[in-house]
Amino acid sequence: MIMQEMEMIMSEIRLVSDVANELKNDLRQDVRRVEKIVNDVEQLVKEDSRETSSELRDTTKDMKEDMAELSNKLESAMTALEEKIEKRIKLALENPLSQMK
């Protein structure tokens, strides 16, 4: 009877040990899966960050070029307007009556 109880206890201990080992292995696999997911997410974030940074540099460069072009156009238009005004003032000063209509 004691022997039978000892065998039953040993059987239950083996069962508990097997279940514990199974749980340990499952947890280890879960940790590996989570690590892989984390690594994949980190890689995607790095790639997105590089792309975003590159796009931002390109956009900034384009904006600077557009602003320089706009500035040149404004300066050209202001110069032309100044010349036109100076010409009219000069004509008006040279012949004040010619401007009256």
Protein backbone atom coordinates (compact mmCIF):
# COMPACT_ATOMS: atom_id res chain seq x y z
CA MET A 1 0.00 0.00 0.00
CA ILE A 2 2.77 2.46 0.87
CA MET A 3 4.60 1.48 -2.26
CA GLN A 4 1.51 2.08 -4.31
CA GLU A 5 1.06 5.50 -2.73
CA MET A 6 4.70 6.31 -3.35
CA GLU A 7 4.33 5.35 -7.01
CA MET A 8 1.19 7.52 -7.25
CA ILE A 9 3.02 10.44 -5.64
CA MET A 10 6.01 9.94 -7.95
CA SER A 11 3.66 9.76 -10.92
CA GLU A 12 2.01 13.02 -9.87
CA ILE A 13 5.43 14.62 -9.32
CA ARG A 14 6.47 13.57 -12.85
CA LEU A 15 3.20 14.94 -14.20
CA VAL A 16 3.71 18.26 -12.38
CA SER A 17 7.33 18.33 -13.58
CA ASP A 18 6.26 17.63 -17.17
CA VAL A 19 3.61 20.35 -17.01
CA ALA A 20 6.16 22.79 -15.51
CA ASN A 21 8.65 21.96 -18.29
CA GLU A 22 5.95 22.35 -20.91
CA LEU A 23 4.95 25.74 -19.46
CA LYS A 24 8.61 26.80 -19.34
CA ASN A 25 9.08 25.83 -23.00
CA ASP A 26 5.85 27.59 -24.02
CA LEU A 27 6.95 30.73 -22.17
CA ARG A 28 10.36 30.57 -23.83
CA GLN A 29 8.68 30.32 -27.27
CA ASP A 30 6.36 33.21 -26.39
CA VAL A 31 9.33 35.34 -25.34
CA ARG A 32 11.11 34.54 -28.61
CA ARG A 33 7.98 35.48 -30.60
CA VAL A 34 7.66 38.75 -28.68
CA GLU A 35 11.37 39.50 -29.23
CA LYS A 36 10.95 38.88 -32.97
CA ILE A 37 7.91 41.16 -33.07
CA VAL A 38 9.78 43.88 -31.15
CA ASN A 39 12.78 43.57 -33.49
CA ASP A 40 10.52 43.75 -36.56
CA VAL A 41 8.74 46.83 -35.18
CA GLU A 42 12.07 48.48 -34.36
CA GLN A 43 13.29 47.82 -37.89
CA LEU A 44 10.10 49.26 -39.40
CA VAL A 45 10.36 52.34 -37.19
CA LYS A 46 13.99 52.87 -38.23
CA GLU A 47 13.08 52.52 -41.92
CA ASP A 48 10.11 54.89 -41.56
CA SER A 49 12.30 57.35 -39.69
CA ARG A 50 14.91 57.27 -42.47
CA GLU A 51 12.24 57.75 -45.14
CA THR A 52 10.59 60.58 -43.22
CA SER A 53 13.93 62.26 -42.63
CA SER A 54 14.80 61.99 -46.32
CA GLU A 55 11.40 63.34 -47.37
CA LEU A 56 11.75 66.20 -44.90
CA ARG A 57 15.19 67.10 -46.29
CA ASP A 58 13.81 67.01 -49.85
CA THR A 59 10.80 69.12 -48.89
CA THR A 60 13.00 71.63 -47.05
CA LYS A 61 15.33 71.83 -50.04
CA ASP A 62 12.39 72.37 -52.41
CA MET A 63 10.95 75.07 -50.14
CA LYS A 64 14.30 76.88 -49.98
CA GLU A 65 14.57 76.75 -53.77
CA ASP A 66 10.99 78.02 -54.17
CA MET A 67 11.60 80.83 -51.68
CA ALA A 68 14.81 81.85 -53.46
CA GLU A 69 12.98 81.86 -56.79
CA LEU A 70 10.13 83.91 -55.33
CA SER A 71 12.60 86.32 -53.75
CA ASN A 72 14.36 86.77 -57.11
CA LYS A 73 11.03 87.40 -58.86
CA LEU A 74 10.01 89.94 -56.22
CA GLU A 75 13.33 91.75 -56.47
CA SER A 76 13.07 91.80 -60.26
CA ALA A 77 9.49 93.11 -60.10
CA MET A 78 10.48 95.76 -57.53
CA THR A 79 13.43 96.86 -59.68
CA ALA A 80 11.19 97.12 -62.75
CA LEU A 81 8.60 99.10 -60.78
CA GLU A 82 11.25 101.44 -59.37
CA GLU A 83 12.62 102.05 -62.87
CA LYS A 84 9.14 102.74 -64.20
CA ILE A 85 8.36 105.17 -61.36
CA GLU A 86 11.73 106.91 -61.73
CA LYS A 87 11.09 107.28 -65.48
CA ARG A 88 7.66 108.82 -64.89
CA ILE A 89 9.02 111.15 -62.21
CA LYS A 90 11.84 112.18 -64.54
CA LEU A 91 9.38 112.83 -67.39
CA ALA A 92 7.08 114.76 -65.07
CA LEU A 93 9.95 116.89 -63.81
CA GLU A 94 11.31 117.54 -67.31
CA ASN A 95 7.93 118.47 -68.74
CA PRO A 96 5.25 118.95 -66.09
CA LEU A 97 2.55 119.94 -68.61
CA SER A 98 2.87 116.79 -70.70
CA GLN A 99 1.44 114.70 -67.86
CA MET A 100 -1.80 116.71 -67.71
CA LYS A 101 -4.56 115.32 -69.85
